[in-house]
Protein backbone atom coordinates (compact mmCIF):
# COMPACT_ATOMS: atom_id res chain seq x y z
CA MET A 1 102.50 59.11 43.31
CA ILE A 2 100.23 61.52 44.62
CA SER A 3 100.21 59.47 47.72
CA ALA A 4 103.74 59.51 47.65
CA LEU A 5 104.15 63.50 47.45
CA SER A 6 101.80 64.37 50.26
CA ALA A 7 103.55 62.16 52.54
CA ARG A 8 106.60 63.51 52.03
CA PHE A 9 105.14 67.03 52.31
CA ASN A 10 103.61 66.11 55.89
CA ILE A 11 107.09 65.15 56.89
CA LEU A 12 108.38 68.00 55.55
CA CYS A 13 105.80 70.22 57.45
CA LEU A 14 106.16 68.29 60.46
CA SER A 15 109.98 68.77 61.00
CA ALA A 16 109.56 72.87 59.97
CA LEU A 17 107.73 72.95 62.98
CA PHE A 18 109.25 70.60 65.06
CA THR A 19 112.37 73.07 63.93
CA LEU A 20 110.42 76.03 64.45
CA ILE A 21 109.53 74.65 68.54
CA ILE A 22 112.62 73.93 69.34
CA SER A 23 114.12 77.27 67.56
CA CYS A 24 111.35 79.20 69.65
CA ASN A 25 112.35 77.00 72.72
CA ALA A 26 115.96 78.23 72.38
CA MET A 27 115.03 81.49 72.57
CA THR A 28 112.59 81.61 75.60
CA GLU A 29 115.00 82.52 78.93
CA THR A 30 114.12 82.68 82.36
CA LEU A 31 115.10 85.89 84.27
CA GLU A 32 115.96 84.95 87.93
CA LEU A 33 115.33 87.88 90.47
CA SER A 34 115.58 87.57 94.27
CA THR A 35 112.26 90.10 96.25
CA LEU A 36 110.85 89.26 99.58
CA GLU A 37 108.01 89.09 101.13
CA TRP A 38 106.44 92.54 101.58
CA PRO A 39 102.65 91.52 100.45
CA PRO A 40 100.76 92.25 98.76
CA PHE A 41 103.62 93.31 96.20
CA THR A 42 106.02 90.51 96.61
CA GLY A 43 105.46 87.33 98.97
CA SER A 44 106.03 83.45 98.31
CA GLN A 45 102.67 82.88 100.18
CA LEU A 46 100.93 85.17 97.48
CA ILE A 47 99.27 85.02 94.26
CA ASP A 48 102.35 84.49 91.25
CA ALA A 49 104.55 85.84 94.28
CA GLY A 50 102.27 88.94 94.52
CA ILE A 51 101.27 92.04 92.64
CA THR A 52 104.86 93.54 91.40
CA SER A 53 105.92 90.25 90.55
CA GLN A 54 102.64 89.44 88.06
CA ILE A 55 103.91 93.09 86.25
CA VAL A 56 107.05 91.72 85.96
CA GLU A 57 106.30 88.67 84.11
CA GLN A 58 103.76 90.47 81.96
CA ALA A 59 106.43 92.63 81.02
CA LEU A 60 108.26 89.55 79.86
CA SER A 61 105.69 87.72 78.62
CA TYR A 62 105.61 90.40 75.72
CA GLU A 63 109.34 89.84 74.98
CA GLY A 64 109.08 85.58 74.95
CA HIS A 65 110.61 84.86 78.09
CA LYS A 66 110.09 83.83 81.40
CA LEU A 67 110.42 84.53 85.43
CA ASN A 68 111.40 83.31 88.24
CA VAL A 69 111.50 84.32 91.69
CA THR A 70 113.19 83.61 95.21
CA VAL A 71 111.89 85.27 98.35
CA LEU A 72 114.36 85.76 101.13
CA PRO A 73 115.61 88.03 103.78
CA TRP A 74 116.16 91.46 101.85
CA ASN A 75 119.23 92.03 102.54
CA ARG A 76 120.17 88.47 102.47
CA ALA A 77 117.89 89.07 98.58
CA ILE A 78 120.63 92.35 97.46
CA ARG A 79 123.84 90.20 98.73
CA MET A 80 122.98 87.53 96.14
CA VAL A 81 122.89 90.45 93.32
CA LYS A 82 126.31 92.29 94.88
CA ILE A 83 128.23 88.70 94.46
CA GLY A 84 126.54 87.64 91.30
CA ASN A 85 124.25 84.95 91.98
CA ILE A 86 121.07 86.75 90.89
CA VAL A 87 121.09 88.99 87.78
CA GLY A 88 118.11 91.77 90.00
CA TYR A 89 115.90 91.53 92.36
CA PHE A 90 113.08 93.65 93.39
CA PRO A 91 110.63 96.12 94.06
CA GLU A 92 113.65 98.81 95.31
CA TYR A 93 113.16 102.91 95.10
CA MET A 94 115.59 104.67 92.19
CA MET A 95 118.90 105.74 94.17
CA THR A 96 122.22 106.62 92.76
CA SER A 97 124.08 103.87 92.97
CA ASN A 98 127.14 102.26 91.12
CA ASP A 99 126.94 99.11 91.81
CA PHE A 100 122.79 98.53 90.38
CA LEU A 101 120.56 99.29 87.43
CA PHE A 102 117.72 100.17 87.37
CA SER A 103 114.36 99.23 85.61
CA ASN A 104 111.74 101.72 83.92
CA SER A 105 108.64 101.95 86.77
CA LEU A 106 106.96 98.88 88.05
CA GLY A 107 104.16 101.11 89.53
CA MET A 108 104.13 103.94 92.57
CA SER A 109 104.60 103.23 96.47
CA PRO A 110 102.85 105.82 98.64
CA ILE A 111 105.51 106.30 101.81
CA GLY A 112 103.70 107.51 104.80
CA LEU A 113 103.43 107.43 108.41
CA LEU A 114 101.97 104.87 111.22
CA GLU A 115 100.87 106.80 114.10
CA ARG A 116 98.93 105.67 117.19
CA LYS A 117 95.41 107.48 117.26
CA ALA A 118 96.04 108.48 120.86
CA LYS A 119 99.25 110.58 120.18
CA PRO A 120 99.23 111.80 116.20
CA ILE A 121 102.36 112.65 114.73
CA VAL A 122 102.36 116.47 114.23
CA TRP A 123 105.06 117.35 111.15
CA SER A 124 105.13 120.09 108.03
CA GLU A 125 108.62 118.85 107.26
CA GLU A 126 110.49 115.84 108.00
CA SER A 127 113.52 117.38 110.63
CA ASP A 128 110.40 118.05 112.26
CA LEU A 129 110.27 113.36 112.85
CA ASN A 130 113.56 114.49 115.08
CA GLN A 131 111.58 114.36 117.72
CA TYR A 132 109.53 111.44 117.31
CA VAL A 133 110.94 108.47 117.23
CA LEU A 134 110.91 106.52 114.46
CA GLY A 135 110.78 102.90 113.73
CA VAL A 136 111.57 101.66 109.93
CA VAL A 137 112.84 97.97 108.49
CA ASN A 138 116.55 96.98 108.64
CA GLY A 139 117.15 97.02 105.56
CA PHE A 140 114.53 99.16 103.99
CA VAL A 141 115.27 102.61 102.08
CA ASN A 142 113.35 105.25 103.42
CA THR A 143 113.47 108.66 102.15
CA VAL A 144 116.66 110.66 101.29
CA LYS A 145 115.96 112.84 103.70
CA ILE A 146 115.09 110.22 106.75
CA ASP A 147 117.87 107.93 105.96
CA LYS A 148 120.10 111.09 106.08
CA MET A 149 118.67 112.11 109.58
CA ILE A 150 119.28 108.57 110.76
CA LEU A 151 123.16 108.79 109.83
CA ASP A 152 124.04 111.42 110.99
CA GLY A 153 122.35 111.20 114.70
CA SER A 154 119.67 113.51 114.54
CA GLN A 155 117.24 110.86 114.12
CA LYS A 156 115.69 108.85 116.93
CA TYR A 157 115.09 105.69 115.72
CA GLU A 158 114.83 101.90 116.04
CA THR A 159 114.90 99.05 113.63
CA ALA A 160 112.26 96.27 113.07
CA ASN A 161 112.74 92.86 111.11
CA ASN A 162 109.63 93.47 109.19
CA GLU A 163 106.58 95.56 109.09
CA ARG A 164 104.11 93.37 111.03
CA GLN A 165 106.89 93.61 113.67
CA ASN A 166 106.91 97.49 113.41
CA ILE A 167 102.70 98.34 113.73
CA LEU A 168 103.09 95.66 116.91
CA LYS A 169 105.68 97.63 118.14
CA LEU A 170 104.36 100.76 117.58
CA ALA A 171 100.67 99.91 119.04
CA ALA A 172 102.26 98.87 121.79
CA GLY A 173 104.34 102.70 122.53
CA ARG A 174 107.55 101.83 122.39
CA ILE A 175 107.92 104.20 119.12
CA ASP A 176 106.37 106.93 117.95
CA THR A 177 105.36 106.21 114.08
CA ILE A 178 106.71 104.59 111.64
CA VAL A 179 107.30 104.73 107.81
CA ILE A 180 105.53 102.35 106.00
CA ASP A 181 103.46 101.61 102.26
CA VAL A 182 100.30 103.01 102.91
CA ASN A 183 99.11 99.84 100.91
CA VAL A 184 101.62 97.44 102.43
CA TYR A 185 99.49 97.89 105.61
CA GLN A 186 96.01 98.08 103.95
CA TYR A 187 97.31 94.52 103.24
CA LEU A 188 98.40 93.85 106.37
CA LYS A 189 95.49 94.56 108.80
CA SER A 190 93.97 91.81 108.26
CA ASP A 191 96.99 89.70 109.57
CA PRO A 192 95.55 88.34 113.05
CA GLN A 193 97.72 89.91 115.02
CA VAL A 194 97.95 93.05 112.96
CA ALA A 195 94.04 92.97 113.37
CA LYS A 196 93.50 92.71 116.93
CA ILE A 197 95.55 96.69 117.68
CA THR A 198 93.98 98.33 114.21
CA PRO A 199 91.66 100.39 116.30
CA LEU A 200 95.13 101.95 118.55
CA VAL A 201 96.82 103.22 114.87
CA GLN A 202 96.03 105.02 111.69
CA MET A 203 97.65 107.08 108.58
CA ASN A 204 98.57 109.72 109.20
CA LYS A 205 96.64 112.19 107.03
CA LYS A 206 100.39 113.79 105.39
CA VAL A 207 102.03 111.45 102.55
CA LEU A 208 105.54 112.08 103.14
CA LYS A 209 106.75 110.57 99.92
CA GLN A 210 105.28 109.02 96.43
CA LYS A 211 108.05 106.54 95.16
CA SER A 212 108.84 104.40 92.18
CA LEU A 213 109.53 101.20 92.16
CA HIS A 214 111.89 99.12 89.98
CA ILE A 215 114.24 95.71 89.26
CA ALA A 216 117.62 96.67 90.46
CA PHE A 217 120.32 94.45 87.81
CA GLY A 218 123.63 94.47 88.74
CA ASN A 219 125.96 96.65 86.82
CA ASN A 220 127.18 94.14 84.45
CA PRO A 221 126.79 92.76 80.89
CA GLN A 222 123.61 90.40 81.90
CA GLY A 223 122.23 92.80 83.65
CA GLU A 224 122.04 95.42 80.80
CA LYS A 225 120.78 92.70 78.98
CA TRP A 226 117.84 91.93 80.92
CA LEU A 227 117.36 96.23 81.45
CA ALA A 228 116.51 96.32 77.98
CA ILE A 229 114.20 93.28 78.01
CA ILE A 230 112.24 94.35 80.71
CA ASN A 231 111.95 97.97 79.72
CA ARG A 232 111.14 97.24 76.32
CA GLY A 233 107.84 94.52 77.88
CA LEU A 234 106.88 97.60 80.48
CA SER A 235 106.78 99.93 77.75
CA LYS A 236 103.64 97.74 75.87
CA PHE A 237 101.29 98.44 78.11
CA ASP A 238 100.01 100.75 81.53
CA VAL A 239 101.91 99.92 84.66
CA GLN A 240 100.11 101.72 86.90
CA ALA A 241 97.02 101.35 85.41
CA THR A 242 97.57 97.65 85.97
CA MET A 243 98.95 97.24 89.68
CA ASP A 244 95.70 100.15 90.94
CA ALA A 245 93.64 97.27 89.65
CA SER A 246 95.24 94.45 90.82
CA ILE A 247 95.81 96.27 94.36
CA GLN A 248 91.73 97.02 94.06
CA LYS A 249 91.32 93.11 93.91
CA THR A 250 93.42 92.25 96.56
CA ILE A 251 93.40 94.92 99.23
CA GLN A 252 89.79 94.83 101.21
CA PRO A 253 88.31 97.94 102.28
């Protein structure tokens, strides 16, 4: 009798455990986001798709969810969200938009000006940059003032497909300065092509802007759902400290 009761008890326990596992798996969802090649923050060849991806993944883990990242050309990464194929893209700077909902900060991005050592940039106001030919990446947001000057025609500029191309154009003297995240430049200094020309360029001593990075979700019910989830997760750890520690490990001095 005792043996029969014990066997029945074990069966009930296993059944309850199996039900619990199924229930937990049913509650676990995967957030699908698009991003770009922007090392060390994001990229297909980086560990866990980059520093910012790791932060998003950590935030989701606190809420019992997972992350799947699709790396695309930047304009396509944004377009995939606009047409509803993907729920959100990252990392994006905060901006006024009716199309997107922005998460809490994933960390700060120090934006500066890379210049040629032989011809350093002299400026105090962003409008002073109008005397120079500015290099920007196609589809990237810069600063509100710079983007406005580009739009109204007061700022001379050239576009590049990516940061590496912009740096090489600068070193060749085709442009006078480029807008770039300081950490992105430090990372790209290890690229073989960029390494050859680093003696010719330097970061301008004055920081252009400290900008926070965010996930941009589509402005729809799915976007609202994941916005609430990711913000709860981000509130459970020190995001900036996590980013700073990861950058220190990733970027060699």
